[in-house]
């Protein structure tokens, strides 16, 4: 479980960088949906 937490933390850091790179919220929504799909598919 600890490994998963570390991965989640790394992903969160990446998402913050992406959020700063794409100030347009609609763009973030698309990325977020895509990202969520990838995550839920992996489980």
PDB file of N, CA and C in Angstrom:
ATOM      1  N   UNK A   1       0.831  -1.210   0.000  1.00  0.00           N
ATOM      2  CA  UNK A   1       0.000   0.000   0.000  1.00  0.00           C
ATOM      3  C   UNK A   1       0.867   1.264   0.000  1.00  0.00           C
ATOM      4  N   UNK A   2       1.991   1.201   0.700  1.00  0.00           N
ATOM      5  CA  UNK A   2       2.861   2.380   0.764  1.00  0.00           C
ATOM      6  C   UNK A   2       3.398   2.747  -0.617  1.00  0.00           C
ATOM      7  N   UNK A   3       3.674   1.730  -1.418  1.00  0.00           N
ATOM      8  CA  UNK A   3       4.180   1.976  -2.768  1.00  0.00           C
ATOM      9  C   UNK A   3       3.132   2.728  -3.586  1.00  0.00           C
ATOM     10  N   UNK A   4       1.879   2.340  -3.420  1.00  0.00           N
ATOM     11  CA  UNK A   4       0.783   2.991  -4.132  1.00  0.00           C
ATOM     12  C   UNK A   4       0.692   4.460  -3.720  1.00  0.00           C
ATOM     13  N   UNK A   5       0.848   4.731  -2.429  1.00  0.00           N
ATOM     14  CA  UNK A   5       0.811   6.108  -1.935  1.00  0.00           C
ATOM     15  C   UNK A   5       1.909   6.938  -2.584  1.00  0.00           C
ATOM     16  N   UNK A   6       3.091   6.360  -2.702  1.00  0.00           N
ATOM     17  CA  UNK A   6       4.222   7.061  -3.315  1.00  0.00           C
ATOM     18  C   UNK A   6       3.921   7.379  -4.774  1.00  0.00           C
ATOM     19  N   UNK A   7       3.328   6.416  -5.463  1.00  0.00           N
ATOM     20  CA  UNK A   7       2.968   6.615  -6.872  1.00  0.00           C
ATOM     21  C   UNK A   7       1.913   7.711  -6.983  1.00  0.00           C
ATOM     22  N   UNK A   8       0.916   7.658  -6.113  1.00  0.00           N
ATOM     23  CA  UNK A   8      -0.151   8.660  -6.114  1.00  0.00           C
ATOM     24  C   UNK A   8       0.432  10.047  -5.892  1.00  0.00           C
ATOM     25  N   UNK A   9       1.392  10.143  -4.968  1.00  0.00           N
ATOM     26  CA  UNK A   9       2.040  11.417  -4.671  1.00  0.00           C
ATOM     27  C   UNK A   9       2.787  11.942  -5.894  1.00  0.00           C
ATOM     28  N   UNK A  10       3.508  11.073  -6.563  1.00  0.00           N
ATOM     29  CA  UNK A  10       4.251  11.465  -7.773  1.00  0.00           C
ATOM     30  C   UNK A  10       3.287  11.952  -8.848  1.00  0.00           C
ATOM     31  N   UNK A  11       2.180  11.226  -9.014  1.00  0.00           N
ATOM     32  CA  UNK A  11       1.172  11.593 -10.013  1.00  0.00           C
ATOM     33  C   UNK A  11       0.580  12.958  -9.673  1.00  0.00           C
ATOM     34  N   UNK A  12       0.294  13.185  -8.398  1.00  0.00           N
ATOM     35  CA  UNK A  12      -0.278  14.458  -7.962  1.00  0.00           C
ATOM     36  C   UNK A  12       0.672  15.608  -8.297  1.00  0.00           C
ATOM     37  N   UNK A  13       1.965  15.382  -8.089  1.00  0.00           N
ATOM     38  CA  UNK A  13       2.959  16.410  -8.412  1.00  0.00           C
ATOM     39  C   UNK A  13       2.937  16.706  -9.908  1.00  0.00           C
ATOM     40  N   UNK A  14       2.875  15.658 -10.712  1.00  0.00           N
ATOM     41  CA  UNK A  14       2.833  15.824 -12.166  1.00  0.00           C
ATOM     42  C   UNK A  14       1.584  16.603 -12.576  1.00  0.00           C
ATOM     43  N   UNK A  15       0.454  16.261 -11.960  1.00  0.00           N
ATOM     44  CA  UNK A  15      -0.808  16.929 -12.298  1.00  0.00           C
ATOM     45  C   UNK A  15      -0.740  18.414 -11.973  1.00  0.00           C
ATOM     46  N   UNK A  16      -0.049  18.769 -10.890  1.00  0.00           N
ATOM     47  CA  UNK A  16       0.094  20.184 -10.533  1.00  0.00           C
ATOM     48  C   UNK A  16       0.893  20.915 -11.601  1.00  0.00           C
ATOM     49  N   UNK A  17       1.924  20.256 -12.106  1.00  0.00           N
ATOM     50  CA  UNK A  17       2.734  20.847 -13.177  1.00  0.00           C
ATOM     51  C   UNK A  17       1.883  21.031 -14.427  1.00  0.00           C
ATOM     52  N   UNK A  18       1.101  20.001 -14.750  1.00  0.00           N
ATOM     53  CA  UNK A  18       0.218  20.057 -15.922  1.00  0.00           C
ATOM     54  C   UNK A  18      -0.816  21.172 -15.743  1.00  0.00           C
ATOM     55  N   UNK A  19      -1.369  21.283 -14.540  1.00  0.00           N
ATOM     56  CA  UNK A  19      -2.389  22.296 -14.264  1.00  0.00           C
ATOM     57  C   UNK A  19      -1.826  23.698 -14.495  1.00  0.00           C
ATOM     58  N   UNK A  20      -0.558  23.901 -14.119  1.00  0.00           N
ATOM     59  CA  UNK A  20       0.070  25.207 -14.326  1.00  0.00           C
ATOM     60  C   UNK A  20       0.349  25.437 -15.807  1.00  0.00           C
ATOM     61  N   UNK A  21       0.652  24.356 -16.518  1.00  0.00           N
ATOM     62  CA  UNK A  21       0.973  24.476 -17.939  1.00  0.00           C
ATOM     63  C   UNK A  21      -0.283  24.748 -18.770  1.00  0.00           C
ATOM     64  N   UNK A  22      -1.435  24.242 -18.300  1.00  0.00           N
ATOM     65  CA  UNK A  22      -2.695  24.435 -19.017  1.00  0.00           C
ATOM     66  C   UNK A  22      -3.685  25.178 -18.128  1.00  0.00           C
ATOM     67  N   UNK A  23      -3.640  26.505 -18.161  1.00  0.00           N
ATOM     68  CA  UNK A  23      -4.551  27.275 -17.300  1.00  0.00           C
ATOM     69  C   UNK A  23      -6.018  27.141 -17.710  1.00  0.00           C
ATOM     70  N   UNK A  24      -6.259  26.706 -18.943  1.00  0.00           N
ATOM     71  CA  UNK A  24      -7.621  26.547 -19.441  1.00  0.00           C
ATOM     72  C   UNK A  24      -8.280  25.343 -18.755  1.00  0.00           C
ATOM     73  N   UNK A  25      -9.328  25.577 -17.958  1.00  0.00           N
ATOM     74  CA  UNK A  25      -9.964  24.485 -17.189  1.00  0.00           C
ATOM     75  C   UNK A  25     -10.552  23.390 -18.075  1.00  0.00           C
ATOM     76  N   UNK A  26     -11.060  23.761 -19.240  1.00  0.00           N
ATOM     77  CA  UNK A  26     -11.631  22.759 -20.145  1.00  0.00           C
ATOM     78  C   UNK A  26     -10.569  21.767 -20.594  1.00  0.00           C
ATOM     79  N   UNK A  27      -9.386  22.273 -20.838  1.00  0.00           N
ATOM     80  CA  UNK A  27      -8.272  21.425 -21.234  1.00  0.00           C
ATOM     81  C   UNK A  27      -7.950  20.452 -20.099  1.00  0.00           C
ATOM     82  N   UNK A  28      -7.964  20.967 -18.878  1.00  0.00           N
ATOM     83  CA  UNK A  28      -7.680  20.139 -17.706  1.00  0.00           C
ATOM     84  C   UNK A  28      -8.740  19.056 -17.548  1.00  0.00           C
ATOM     85  N   UNK A  29      -9.992  19.401 -17.805  1.00  0.00           N
ATOM     86  CA  UNK A  29     -11.082  18.429 -17.686  1.00  0.00           C
ATOM     87  C   UNK A  29     -10.844  17.249 -18.618  1.00  0.00           C
ATOM     88  N   UNK A  30     -10.478  17.554 -19.841  1.00  0.00           N
ATOM     89  CA  UNK A  30     -10.216  16.488 -20.815  1.00  0.00           C
ATOM     90  C   UNK A  30      -9.075  15.608 -20.338  1.00  0.00           C
ATOM     91  N   UNK A  31      -7.998  16.237 -19.910  1.00  0.00           N
ATOM     92  CA  UNK A  31      -6.836  15.507 -19.407  1.00  0.00           C
ATOM     93  C   UNK A  31      -7.237  14.682 -18.191  1.00  0.00           C
ATOM     94  N   UNK A  32      -7.999  15.290 -17.311  1.00  0.00           N
ATOM     95  CA  UNK A  32      -8.411  14.623 -16.078  1.00  0.00           C
ATOM     96  C   UNK A  32      -9.242  13.382 -16.355  1.00  0.00           C
ATOM     97  N   UNK A  33     -10.170  13.494 -17.290  1.00  0.00           N
ATOM     98  CA  UNK A  33     -11.015  12.348 -17.651  1.00  0.00           C
ATOM     99  C   UNK A  33     -10.159  11.227 -18.220  1.00  0.00           C
ATOM    100  N   UNK A  34      -9.266  11.605 -19.122  1.00  0.00           N
ATOM    101  CA  UNK A  34      -8.374  10.644 -19.759  1.00  0.00           C
ATOM    102  C   UNK A  34      -7.539   9.945 -18.686  1.00  0.00           C
ATOM    103  N   UNK A  35      -7.019  10.748 -17.776  1.00  0.00           N
ATOM    104  CA  UNK A  35      -6.165  10.254 -16.699  1.00  0.00           C
ATOM    105  C   UNK A  35      -6.934   9.299 -15.785  1.00  0.00           C
ATOM    106  N   UNK A  36      -8.164   9.679 -15.450  1.00  0.00           N
ATOM    107  CA  UNK A  36      -9.002   8.852 -14.579  1.00  0.00           C
ATOM    108  C   UNK A  36      -9.293   7.509 -15.244  1.00  0.00           C
ATOM    109  N   UNK A  37      -9.556   7.550 -16.539  1.00  0.00           N
ATOM    110  CA  UNK A  37      -9.812   6.314 -17.285  1.00  0.00           C
ATOM    111  C   UNK A  37      -8.609   5.393 -17.222  1.00  0.00           C
ATOM    112  N   UNK A  38      -7.421   5.960 -17.393  1.00  0.00           N
ATOM    113  CA  UNK A  38      -6.185   5.170 -17.345  1.00  0.00           C
ATOM    114  C   UNK A  38      -6.047   4.542 -15.957  1.00  0.00           C
ATOM    115  N   UNK A  39      -6.289   5.344 -14.929  1.00  0.00           N
ATOM    116  CA  UNK A  39      -6.149   4.862 -13.550  1.00  0.00           C
ATOM    117  C   UNK A  39      -7.134   3.743 -13.242  1.00  0.00           C
ATOM    118  N   UNK A  40      -8.404   3.961 -13.580  1.00  0.00           N
ATOM    119  CA  UNK A  40      -9.428   2.974 -13.235  1.00  0.00           C
ATOM    120  C   UNK A  40      -9.267   1.707 -14.063  1.00  0.00           C
ATOM    121  N   UNK A  41      -8.716   1.842 -15.262  1.00  0.00           N
ATOM    122  CA  UNK A  41      -8.484   0.676 -16.110  1.00  0.00           C
ATOM    123  C   UNK A  41      -7.397  -0.210 -15.498  1.00  0.00           C
ATOM    124  N   UNK A  42      -6.409   0.437 -14.877  1.00  0.00           N
ATOM    125  CA  UNK A  42      -5.282  -0.292 -14.304  1.00  0.00           C
ATOM    126  C   UNK A  42      -5.631  -1.078 -13.052  1.00  0.00           C
ATOM    127  N   UNK A  43      -6.746  -0.738 -12.420  1.00  0.00           N
ATOM    128  CA  UNK A  43      -7.098  -1.382 -11.146  1.00  0.00           C
ATOM    129  C   UNK A  43      -7.775  -2.722 -11.393  1.00  0.00           C
TER     130      UNK A  43
END
